[in-house]
Amino acid sequence: MTDRIPGGQPTEEDLGQRFGLERDLQATLRKKINELEDGLLIIDEGAERSVDSGFIDITAKDVDGIIVVIELKAGVAGQRAVAQILSYMGDVFAEEENRKVRGILIASDFDSKAKAAAKVIPTLTLRRYSVQFHFSDVLA
């Protein structure tokens, strides 16, 4: 359980943990990008891409050559996350001379406002992630 300051806002510690988890999610996804979608090729040389509206977690290209903007959220994503990835997609569209761009927003879950917004955006896919642990004994 994370501590919250009055008003339900996350504490600095909570934000730090979320940032760390997003960084770990990004590193793992970069290694297993084809588990997200067959044929995806990361084209950002292993670093977040800077655009006018912020930093894109992962930029890839699909089998059809369409640029794919991938945004990760450690927790539940809301309409602000949808707005964020749409801004990134718009920036890439402008920078890439009107090439086709689509987005994948990945989170542990999505609130009803995020789902409603995404329904009318055919170039945006929402994907839930889950984590599975494997344990083994260590012989001393």
N, C-alpha and C. Protein backbone atom coordinates (compact mmCIF):
# COMPACT_ATOMS: atom_id res chain seq x y z
N MET A 1 0.84 -1.17 0.00
CA MET A 1 0.00 0.00 0.00
C MET A 1 0.89 1.24 0.00
N THR A 2 0.52 2.23 -0.78
CA THR A 2 1.32 3.45 -0.84
C THR A 2 0.69 4.53 0.02
N ASP A 3 1.56 5.37 0.57
CA ASP A 3 1.08 6.49 1.37
C ASP A 3 0.57 7.58 0.44
N ARG A 4 -0.45 8.27 0.88
CA ARG A 4 -1.00 9.38 0.10
C ARG A 4 -1.05 10.61 0.99
N ILE A 5 -0.82 11.74 0.39
CA ILE A 5 -1.00 12.98 1.12
C ILE A 5 -2.47 13.35 1.07
N PRO A 6 -2.94 14.25 1.91
CA PRO A 6 -4.36 14.61 1.89
C PRO A 6 -4.83 14.97 0.49
N GLY A 7 -6.06 14.58 0.20
CA GLY A 7 -6.62 14.85 -1.11
C GLY A 7 -6.39 13.71 -2.09
N GLY A 8 -5.74 12.64 -1.63
CA GLY A 8 -5.53 11.48 -2.48
C GLY A 8 -4.40 11.61 -3.47
N GLN A 9 -3.57 12.66 -3.36
CA GLN A 9 -2.46 12.83 -4.29
C GLN A 9 -1.31 11.91 -3.90
N PRO A 10 -0.57 11.39 -4.89
CA PRO A 10 0.56 10.52 -4.57
C PRO A 10 1.70 11.29 -3.91
N THR A 11 2.42 10.62 -3.03
CA THR A 11 3.57 11.22 -2.39
C THR A 11 4.76 11.16 -3.34
N GLU A 12 5.84 11.84 -2.98
CA GLU A 12 7.06 11.78 -3.79
C GLU A 12 7.57 10.34 -3.87
N GLU A 13 7.47 9.62 -2.77
CA GLU A 13 7.91 8.23 -2.76
C GLU A 13 7.07 7.39 -3.72
N ASP A 14 5.76 7.59 -3.69
CA ASP A 14 4.85 6.87 -4.58
C ASP A 14 5.19 7.18 -6.04
N LEU A 15 5.41 8.47 -6.34
CA LEU A 15 5.76 8.86 -7.71
C LEU A 15 7.08 8.24 -8.12
N GLY A 16 8.03 8.19 -7.22
CA GLY A 16 9.33 7.57 -7.51
C GLY A 16 9.19 6.09 -7.81
N GLN A 17 8.33 5.41 -7.03
CA GLN A 17 8.11 3.99 -7.28
C GLN A 17 7.43 3.78 -8.63
N ARG A 18 6.47 4.62 -8.95
CA ARG A 18 5.78 4.52 -10.23
C ARG A 18 6.74 4.76 -11.38
N PHE A 19 7.61 5.78 -11.25
CA PHE A 19 8.59 6.07 -12.28
C PHE A 19 9.53 4.89 -12.46
N GLY A 20 9.98 4.30 -11.34
CA GLY A 20 10.87 3.15 -11.41
C GLY A 20 10.20 1.97 -12.08
N LEU A 21 8.93 1.73 -11.76
CA LEU A 21 8.20 0.63 -12.38
C LEU A 21 8.03 0.87 -13.87
N GLU A 22 7.70 2.10 -14.27
CA GLU A 22 7.57 2.39 -15.71
C GLU A 22 8.90 2.17 -16.42
N ARG A 23 9.99 2.56 -15.80
CA ARG A 23 11.31 2.35 -16.39
C ARG A 23 11.59 0.86 -16.55
N ASP A 24 11.26 0.07 -15.52
CA ASP A 24 11.45 -1.38 -15.60
C ASP A 24 10.55 -2.01 -16.66
N LEU A 25 9.29 -1.54 -16.74
CA LEU A 25 8.38 -2.04 -17.77
C LEU A 25 8.94 -1.75 -19.16
N GLN A 26 9.46 -0.54 -19.32
CA GLN A 26 10.01 -0.16 -20.62
C GLN A 26 11.20 -1.05 -20.99
N ALA A 27 12.10 -1.27 -20.04
CA ALA A 27 13.27 -2.10 -20.31
C ALA A 27 12.86 -3.53 -20.69
N THR A 28 11.88 -4.06 -19.97
CA THR A 28 11.40 -5.42 -20.26
C THR A 28 10.72 -5.48 -21.61
N LEU A 29 9.87 -4.50 -21.91
CA LEU A 29 9.17 -4.49 -23.19
C LEU A 29 10.15 -4.35 -24.35
N ARG A 30 11.18 -3.57 -24.18
CA ARG A 30 12.18 -3.43 -25.24
C ARG A 30 12.81 -4.78 -25.57
N LYS A 31 13.00 -5.63 -24.58
CA LYS A 31 13.59 -6.95 -24.80
C LYS A 31 12.60 -7.93 -25.41
N LYS A 32 11.30 -7.70 -25.18
CA LYS A 32 10.27 -8.65 -25.61
C LYS A 32 9.20 -7.96 -26.45
N ILE A 33 9.62 -7.06 -27.33
CA ILE A 33 8.67 -6.25 -28.09
C ILE A 33 7.73 -7.09 -28.94
N ASN A 34 8.18 -8.25 -29.42
CA ASN A 34 7.31 -9.08 -30.25
C ASN A 34 6.21 -9.76 -29.47
N GLU A 35 6.29 -9.76 -28.14
CA GLU A 35 5.18 -10.27 -27.34
C GLU A 35 4.03 -9.28 -27.32
N LEU A 36 4.33 -8.02 -27.56
CA LEU A 36 3.28 -7.00 -27.68
C LEU A 36 2.58 -7.15 -29.03
N GLU A 37 3.37 -7.31 -30.08
CA GLU A 37 2.82 -7.45 -31.42
C GLU A 37 3.90 -8.04 -32.33
N ASP A 38 3.56 -9.10 -33.05
CA ASP A 38 4.52 -9.72 -33.97
C ASP A 38 4.98 -8.71 -35.01
N GLY A 39 6.27 -8.72 -35.26
CA GLY A 39 6.83 -7.91 -36.32
C GLY A 39 7.21 -6.49 -35.94
N LEU A 40 6.95 -6.08 -34.69
CA LEU A 40 7.35 -4.73 -34.28
C LEU A 40 8.87 -4.63 -34.24
N LEU A 41 9.38 -3.53 -34.75
CA LEU A 41 10.80 -3.26 -34.75
C LEU A 41 11.02 -1.91 -34.07
N ILE A 42 11.79 -1.90 -33.01
CA ILE A 42 12.07 -0.65 -32.29
C ILE A 42 13.00 0.20 -33.15
N ILE A 43 12.64 1.46 -33.35
CA ILE A 43 13.42 2.34 -34.24
C ILE A 43 13.98 3.56 -33.51
N ASP A 44 13.94 3.55 -32.18
CA ASP A 44 14.41 4.73 -31.43
C ASP A 44 15.81 4.57 -30.85
N GLU A 45 16.53 3.54 -31.31
CA GLU A 45 17.91 3.29 -30.88
C GLU A 45 18.06 3.14 -29.38
N GLY A 46 17.01 2.63 -28.72
CA GLY A 46 17.07 2.32 -27.29
C GLY A 46 16.86 3.49 -26.36
N ALA A 47 16.44 4.63 -26.89
CA ALA A 47 16.24 5.80 -26.04
C ALA A 47 14.87 6.42 -26.32
N GLU A 48 14.30 7.03 -25.29
CA GLU A 48 13.03 7.72 -25.48
C GLU A 48 13.20 8.81 -26.53
N ARG A 49 12.22 8.93 -27.40
CA ARG A 49 12.26 9.95 -28.46
C ARG A 49 11.66 11.25 -27.94
N SER A 50 12.38 12.33 -28.13
CA SER A 50 11.91 13.64 -27.72
C SER A 50 11.08 14.26 -28.84
N VAL A 51 9.88 14.71 -28.50
CA VAL A 51 9.01 15.44 -29.42
C VAL A 51 8.54 16.70 -28.69
N ASP A 52 7.86 17.58 -29.39
CA ASP A 52 7.45 18.86 -28.78
C ASP A 52 6.64 18.68 -27.50
N SER A 53 5.81 17.64 -27.44
CA SER A 53 4.92 17.49 -26.28
C SER A 53 5.49 16.58 -25.19
N GLY A 54 6.72 16.08 -25.34
CA GLY A 54 7.31 15.27 -24.29
C GLY A 54 8.23 14.20 -24.83
N PHE A 55 8.32 13.09 -24.08
CA PHE A 55 9.21 11.99 -24.45
C PHE A 55 8.40 10.72 -24.66
N ILE A 56 8.56 10.12 -25.82
CA ILE A 56 7.86 8.88 -26.16
C ILE A 56 8.63 7.72 -25.55
N ASP A 57 7.93 6.85 -24.82
CA ASP A 57 8.61 5.72 -24.17
C ASP A 57 9.31 4.83 -25.18
N ILE A 58 8.60 4.38 -26.21
CA ILE A 58 9.18 3.52 -27.23
C ILE A 58 8.58 3.92 -28.58
N THR A 59 9.44 4.05 -29.57
CA THR A 59 8.98 4.29 -30.94
C THR A 59 9.38 3.07 -31.76
N ALA A 60 8.40 2.52 -32.47
CA ALA A 60 8.63 1.31 -33.25
C ALA A 60 8.02 1.47 -34.64
N LYS A 61 8.22 0.44 -35.45
CA LYS A 61 7.62 0.37 -36.77
C LYS A 61 7.00 -1.01 -36.89
N ASP A 62 5.78 -1.08 -37.47
CA ASP A 62 5.13 -2.38 -37.61
C ASP A 62 5.47 -3.01 -38.96
N VAL A 63 4.92 -4.18 -39.23
CA VAL A 63 5.25 -4.93 -40.44
C VAL A 63 4.83 -4.18 -41.71
N ASP A 64 3.90 -3.25 -41.60
CA ASP A 64 3.46 -2.46 -42.75
C ASP A 64 4.22 -1.15 -42.88
N GLY A 65 5.21 -0.92 -42.01
CA GLY A 65 6.01 0.30 -42.07
C GLY A 65 5.38 1.48 -41.36
N ILE A 66 4.28 1.25 -40.65
CA ILE A 66 3.61 2.32 -39.90
C ILE A 66 4.36 2.56 -38.59
N ILE A 67 4.59 3.82 -38.27
CA ILE A 67 5.26 4.16 -37.02
C ILE A 67 4.29 3.92 -35.86
N VAL A 68 4.80 3.28 -34.81
CA VAL A 68 3.98 2.95 -33.64
C VAL A 68 4.57 3.66 -32.43
N VAL A 69 3.77 4.54 -31.85
CA VAL A 69 4.13 5.24 -30.62
C VAL A 69 3.61 4.41 -29.46
N ILE A 70 4.49 4.04 -28.54
CA ILE A 70 4.12 3.21 -27.41
C ILE A 70 4.34 3.99 -26.12
N GLU A 71 3.26 4.10 -25.34
CA GLU A 71 3.32 4.81 -24.05
C GLU A 71 2.96 3.84 -22.94
N LEU A 72 3.75 3.85 -21.87
CA LEU A 72 3.56 2.94 -20.74
C LEU A 72 3.10 3.70 -19.51
N LYS A 73 2.14 3.14 -18.80
CA LYS A 73 1.70 3.66 -17.52
C LYS A 73 1.75 2.52 -16.51
N ALA A 74 2.37 2.77 -15.37
CA ALA A 74 2.52 1.73 -14.36
C ALA A 74 1.19 1.35 -13.73
N GLY A 75 0.31 2.30 -13.58
CA GLY A 75 -0.96 2.05 -12.92
C GLY A 75 -2.12 2.12 -13.88
N VAL A 76 -3.24 2.60 -13.39
CA VAL A 76 -4.45 2.75 -14.19
C VAL A 76 -4.32 4.03 -15.03
N ALA A 77 -4.57 3.91 -16.32
CA ALA A 77 -4.49 5.06 -17.23
C ALA A 77 -5.86 5.72 -17.36
N GLY A 78 -5.85 7.03 -17.38
CA GLY A 78 -7.08 7.80 -17.55
C GLY A 78 -7.04 8.59 -18.85
N GLN A 79 -7.98 9.52 -18.96
CA GLN A 79 -8.08 10.29 -20.20
C GLN A 79 -6.86 11.17 -20.44
N ARG A 80 -6.15 11.53 -19.39
CA ARG A 80 -4.91 12.31 -19.57
C ARG A 80 -3.86 11.49 -20.30
N ALA A 81 -3.80 10.19 -20.03
CA ALA A 81 -2.85 9.33 -20.72
C ALA A 81 -3.22 9.21 -22.20
N VAL A 82 -4.51 9.17 -22.49
CA VAL A 82 -4.96 9.13 -23.88
C VAL A 82 -4.56 10.43 -24.58
N ALA A 83 -4.79 11.57 -23.93
CA ALA A 83 -4.40 12.86 -24.51
C ALA A 83 -2.90 12.92 -24.73
N GLN A 84 -2.14 12.37 -23.79
CA GLN A 84 -0.68 12.39 -23.89
C GLN A 84 -0.21 11.62 -25.12
N ILE A 85 -0.69 10.39 -25.30
CA ILE A 85 -0.23 9.61 -26.44
C ILE A 85 -0.72 10.20 -27.76
N LEU A 86 -1.91 10.79 -27.77
CA LEU A 86 -2.39 11.44 -28.99
C LEU A 86 -1.50 12.64 -29.35
N SER A 87 -1.05 13.37 -28.36
CA SER A 87 -0.11 14.48 -28.61
C SER A 87 1.18 13.96 -29.22
N TYR A 88 1.70 12.89 -28.65
CA TYR A 88 2.93 12.29 -29.19
C TYR A 88 2.72 11.83 -30.63
N MET A 89 1.59 11.18 -30.88
CA MET A 89 1.29 10.70 -32.23
C MET A 89 1.20 11.87 -33.21
N GLY A 90 0.58 12.96 -32.80
CA GLY A 90 0.49 14.15 -33.65
C GLY A 90 1.85 14.75 -33.94
N ASP A 91 2.71 14.80 -32.94
CA ASP A 91 4.07 15.32 -33.14
C ASP A 91 4.85 14.46 -34.14
N VAL A 92 4.76 13.15 -33.98
CA VAL A 92 5.46 12.24 -34.89
C VAL A 92 4.91 12.39 -36.31
N PHE A 93 3.60 12.48 -36.43
CA PHE A 93 2.95 12.66 -37.73
C PHE A 93 3.52 13.91 -38.43
N ALA A 94 3.66 14.99 -37.69
CA ALA A 94 4.20 16.23 -38.26
C ALA A 94 5.68 16.10 -38.60
N GLU A 95 6.45 15.48 -37.72
CA GLU A 95 7.89 15.34 -37.94
C GLU A 95 8.22 14.39 -39.08
N GLU A 96 7.39 13.39 -39.28
CA GLU A 96 7.66 12.34 -40.27
C GLU A 96 6.97 12.62 -41.60
N GLU A 97 6.68 13.89 -41.85
CA GLU A 97 6.10 14.30 -43.13
C GLU A 97 4.83 13.53 -43.47
N ASN A 98 3.93 13.48 -42.50
CA ASN A 98 2.60 12.90 -42.67
C ASN A 98 2.58 11.40 -42.93
N ARG A 99 3.59 10.68 -42.44
CA ARG A 99 3.55 9.22 -42.51
C ARG A 99 2.48 8.71 -41.56
N LYS A 100 1.97 7.53 -41.84
CA LYS A 100 0.97 6.93 -40.96
C LYS A 100 1.59 6.67 -39.59
N VAL A 101 0.80 6.97 -38.57
CA VAL A 101 1.22 6.78 -37.18
C VAL A 101 0.06 6.16 -36.42
N ARG A 102 0.37 5.22 -35.56
CA ARG A 102 -0.64 4.68 -34.65
C ARG A 102 -0.01 4.57 -33.27
N GLY A 103 -0.86 4.35 -32.27
CA GLY A 103 -0.36 4.29 -30.91
C GLY A 103 -0.85 3.09 -30.15
N ILE A 104 -0.04 2.67 -29.19
CA ILE A 104 -0.41 1.62 -28.25
C ILE A 104 -0.17 2.17 -26.85
N LEU A 105 -1.23 2.27 -26.08
CA LEU A 105 -1.15 2.72 -24.69
C LEU A 105 -1.25 1.50 -23.81
N ILE A 106 -0.23 1.28 -23.00
CA ILE A 106 -0.14 0.10 -22.15
C ILE A 106 -0.23 0.52 -20.69
N ALA A 107 -1.12 -0.13 -19.93
CA ALA A 107 -1.29 0.17 -18.51
C ALA A 107 -1.79 -1.07 -17.79
N SER A 108 -1.79 -1.00 -16.47
CA SER A 108 -2.33 -2.13 -15.69
C SER A 108 -3.83 -2.23 -15.88
N ASP A 109 -4.47 -1.09 -16.16
CA ASP A 109 -5.91 -1.05 -16.46
C ASP A 109 -6.23 0.35 -16.98
N PHE A 110 -7.48 0.56 -17.37
CA PHE A 110 -7.91 1.83 -17.94
C PHE A 110 -9.22 2.24 -17.29
N ASP A 111 -9.36 3.52 -16.95
CA ASP A 111 -10.62 3.96 -16.39
C ASP A 111 -11.65 4.14 -17.52
N SER A 112 -12.89 4.38 -17.13
CA SER A 112 -13.97 4.45 -18.12
C SER A 112 -13.79 5.61 -19.09
N LYS A 113 -13.21 6.71 -18.65
CA LYS A 113 -13.00 7.86 -19.54
C LYS A 113 -11.95 7.55 -20.60
N ALA A 114 -10.90 6.85 -20.22
CA ALA A 114 -9.87 6.46 -21.20
C ALA A 114 -10.46 5.52 -22.24
N LYS A 115 -11.25 4.55 -21.77
CA LYS A 115 -11.88 3.59 -22.69
C LYS A 115 -12.83 4.30 -23.64
N ALA A 116 -13.61 5.25 -23.12
CA ALA A 116 -14.57 5.98 -23.96
C ALA A 116 -13.84 6.79 -25.02
N ALA A 117 -12.78 7.48 -24.64
CA ALA A 117 -12.02 8.29 -25.60
C ALA A 117 -11.39 7.42 -26.68
N ALA A 118 -10.84 6.28 -26.28
CA ALA A 118 -10.15 5.42 -27.24
C ALA A 118 -11.11 4.77 -28.25
N LYS A 119 -12.38 4.65 -27.89
CA LYS A 119 -13.36 4.03 -28.80
C LYS A 119 -13.46 4.75 -30.13
N VAL A 120 -13.23 6.04 -30.15
CA VAL A 120 -13.41 6.81 -31.38
C VAL A 120 -12.08 7.12 -32.08
N ILE A 121 -11.02 6.48 -31.63
CA ILE A 121 -9.70 6.70 -32.24
C ILE A 121 -9.21 5.36 -32.79
N PRO A 122 -9.47 5.10 -34.07
CA PRO A 122 -9.14 3.79 -34.63
C PRO A 122 -7.64 3.49 -34.69
N THR A 123 -6.81 4.51 -34.57
CA THR A 123 -5.36 4.30 -34.63
C THR A 123 -4.73 4.15 -33.25
N LEU A 124 -5.56 4.02 -32.22
CA LEU A 124 -5.06 3.86 -30.85
C LEU A 124 -5.57 2.54 -30.27
N THR A 125 -4.64 1.77 -29.75
CA THR A 125 -4.97 0.50 -29.10
C THR A 125 -4.63 0.59 -27.62
N LEU A 126 -5.53 0.12 -26.77
CA LEU A 126 -5.26 0.02 -25.34
C LEU A 126 -4.89 -1.42 -25.04
N ARG A 127 -3.79 -1.62 -24.31
CA ARG A 127 -3.35 -2.97 -23.94
C ARG A 127 -3.04 -3.02 -22.46
N ARG A 128 -3.59 -4.03 -21.77
CA ARG A 128 -3.28 -4.25 -20.35
C ARG A 128 -2.04 -5.12 -20.24
N TYR A 129 -1.23 -4.80 -19.25
CA TYR A 129 -0.10 -5.68 -18.95
C TYR A 129 -0.37 -6.39 -17.64
N SER A 130 0.29 -7.50 -17.46
CA SER A 130 0.30 -8.19 -16.17
C SER A 130 1.70 -8.75 -15.97
N VAL A 131 2.02 -8.99 -14.73
CA VAL A 131 3.35 -9.48 -14.38
C VAL A 131 3.20 -10.87 -13.80
N GLN A 132 4.07 -11.77 -14.23
CA GLN A 132 4.06 -13.13 -13.71
C GLN A 132 5.46 -13.43 -13.18
N PHE A 133 5.52 -13.91 -11.95
CA PHE A 133 6.80 -14.27 -11.35
C PHE A 133 7.04 -15.76 -11.46
N HIS A 134 8.30 -16.11 -11.62
CA HIS A 134 8.72 -17.51 -11.59
C HIS A 134 9.77 -17.62 -10.49
N PHE A 135 9.63 -18.63 -9.64
CA PHE A 135 10.55 -18.80 -8.52
C PHE A 135 11.25 -20.14 -8.63
N SER A 136 12.49 -20.17 -8.20
CA SER A 136 13.22 -21.43 -8.14
C SER A 136 14.13 -21.42 -6.92
N ASP A 137 14.39 -22.61 -6.40
CA ASP A 137 15.25 -22.73 -5.23
C ASP A 137 16.69 -22.46 -5.63
N VAL A 138 17.41 -21.91 -4.70
CA VAL A 138 18.83 -21.66 -4.89
C VAL A 138 19.57 -22.68 -4.03
N LEU A 139 20.42 -23.45 -4.63
CA LEU A 139 21.19 -24.44 -3.90
C LEU A 139 22.39 -23.76 -3.25
N ALA A 140 22.56 -24.00 -1.95
CA ALA A 140 23.66 -23.37 -1.23
C ALA A 140 24.92 -24.19 -1.32
